[in-house]
Amino acid sequence: MPKQKTNSGAKKRFTFTGTGKVKRRHAFHSHILTKKTKKQKRNLLGTTIVDKTNLKQVRELLCLR
């Protein structure tokens, strides 16, 4: 049986915390920033934890079933 391949885009976008949760970046902070408020742009900085509804899909992309 062939080996599983990790999704190349996913391995660049997701990292793990020490407790095994999956971290991700916020979307909508790369362009068209002039119409967004300072507060909105500030809140889009940094990382957050992947929601439990998407966790199964992300783990499959990373070959972690």
C-alpha atoms as a PDB file:
ATOM      1  CA  MET A   1       0.000   0.000   0.000  1.00  0.00           C
ATOM      2  CA  PRO A   2       1.467   3.436  -0.899  1.00  0.00           C
ATOM      3  CA  LYS A   3       2.366   6.034   1.692  1.00  0.00           C
ATOM      4  CA  GLN A   4       0.007   8.884   2.522  1.00  0.00           C
ATOM      5  CA  LYS A   5       1.030  12.302   1.240  1.00  0.00           C
ATOM      6  CA  THR A   6       0.635  15.376   3.421  1.00  0.00           C
ATOM      7  CA  ASN A   7      -1.114  18.291   1.711  1.00  0.00           C
ATOM      8  CA  SER A   8       1.650  20.796   0.900  1.00  0.00           C
ATOM      9  CA  GLY A   9      -0.549  23.863   1.404  1.00  0.00           C
ATOM     10  CA  ALA A  10      -1.796  22.625   4.764  1.00  0.00           C
ATOM     11  CA  LYS A  11       1.642  21.930   6.203  1.00  0.00           C
ATOM     12  CA  LYS A  12       2.611  25.563   5.501  1.00  0.00           C
ATOM     13  CA  ARG A  13      -0.544  26.981   7.117  1.00  0.00           C
ATOM     14  CA  PHE A  14      -1.044  24.968  10.301  1.00  0.00           C
ATOM     15  CA  THR A  15       1.163  24.382  13.341  1.00  0.00           C
ATOM     16  CA  PHE A  16       0.632  22.560  16.616  1.00  0.00           C
ATOM     17  CA  THR A  17       0.617  23.769  20.196  1.00  0.00           C
ATOM     18  CA  GLY A  18       2.342  21.867  22.958  1.00  0.00           C
ATOM     19  CA  THR A  19      -0.958  20.284  23.990  1.00  0.00           C
ATOM     20  CA  GLY A  20      -1.736  19.056  20.457  1.00  0.00           C
ATOM     21  CA  LYS A  21      -4.217  21.706  19.347  1.00  0.00           C
ATOM     22  CA  VAL A  22      -3.911  23.078  15.818  1.00  0.00           C
ATOM     23  CA  LYS A  23      -3.078  26.768  15.306  1.00  0.00           C
ATOM     24  CA  ARG A  24      -3.996  28.832  12.256  1.00  0.00           C
ATOM     25  CA  ARG A  25      -3.695  32.420  11.028  1.00  0.00           C
ATOM     26  CA  HIS A  26      -6.641  34.744  10.508  1.00  0.00           C
ATOM     27  CA  ALA A  27      -7.887  35.336   6.976  1.00  0.00           C
ATOM     28  CA  PHE A  28      -8.614  38.735   5.354  1.00  0.00           C
ATOM     29  CA  HIS A  29      -5.409  40.492   6.439  1.00  0.00           C
ATOM     30  CA  SER A  30      -3.366  40.330   3.245  1.00  0.00           C
ATOM     31  CA  HIS A  31      -4.840  42.983   0.945  1.00  0.00           C
ATOM     32  CA  ILE A  32      -7.608  45.601   0.593  1.00  0.00           C
ATOM     33  CA  LEU A  33      -6.709  46.950   4.021  1.00  0.00           C
ATOM     34  CA  THR A  34      -7.718  50.566   3.397  1.00  0.00           C
ATOM     35  CA  LYS A  35     -11.422  49.945   3.905  1.00  0.00           C
ATOM     36  CA  LYS A  36     -10.936  47.932   7.082  1.00  0.00           C
ATOM     37  CA  THR A  37     -10.871  49.683  10.446  1.00  0.00           C
ATOM     38  CA  LYS A  38      -7.810  49.727  12.685  1.00  0.00           C
ATOM     39  CA  LYS A  39      -9.656  47.591  15.203  1.00  0.00           C
ATOM     40  CA  GLN A  40     -10.565  45.007  12.571  1.00  0.00           C
ATOM     41  CA  LYS A  41      -6.983  44.808  11.264  1.00  0.00           C
ATOM     42  CA  ARG A  42      -5.599  44.552  14.798  1.00  0.00           C
ATOM     43  CA  ASN A  43      -7.954  41.693  15.627  1.00  0.00           C
ATOM     44  CA  LEU A  44      -6.918  39.819  12.472  1.00  0.00           C
ATOM     45  CA  LEU A  45      -3.268  39.750  13.556  1.00  0.00           C
ATOM     46  CA  GLY A  46      -1.844  36.769  15.376  1.00  0.00           C
ATOM     47  CA  THR A  47      -3.040  33.194  15.492  1.00  0.00           C
ATOM     48  CA  THR A  48      -6.012  31.293  16.819  1.00  0.00           C
ATOM     49  CA  ILE A  49      -7.006  27.684  17.411  1.00  0.00           C
ATOM     50  CA  VAL A  50      -8.769  25.704  14.678  1.00  0.00           C
ATOM     51  CA  ASP A  51     -12.444  25.199  15.551  1.00  0.00           C
ATOM     52  CA  LYS A  52     -13.569  21.689  16.462  1.00  0.00           C
ATOM     53  CA  THR A  53     -15.933  21.600  13.455  1.00  0.00           C
ATOM     54  CA  ASN A  54     -12.961  21.903  11.065  1.00  0.00           C
ATOM     55  CA  LEU A  55     -10.444  19.895  13.060  1.00  0.00           C
ATOM     56  CA  LYS A  56     -11.183  16.553  11.365  1.00  0.00           C
ATOM     57  CA  GLN A  57     -10.645  18.035   7.884  1.00  0.00           C
ATOM     58  CA  VAL A  58      -7.377  19.703   8.889  1.00  0.00           C
ATOM     59  CA  ARG A  59      -6.040  16.539  10.505  1.00  0.00           C
ATOM     60  CA  GLU A  60      -6.835  14.564   7.341  1.00  0.00           C
ATOM     61  CA  LEU A  61      -4.943  17.096   5.218  1.00  0.00           C
ATOM     62  CA  LEU A  62      -1.969  16.657   7.558  1.00  0.00           C
ATOM     63  CA  CYS A  63      -2.325  12.832   7.511  1.00  0.00           C
ATOM     64  CA  LEU A  64      -3.049  12.656  11.231  1.00  0.00           C
ATOM     65  CA  ARG A  65      -6.086  10.433  11.556  1.00  0.00           C
END
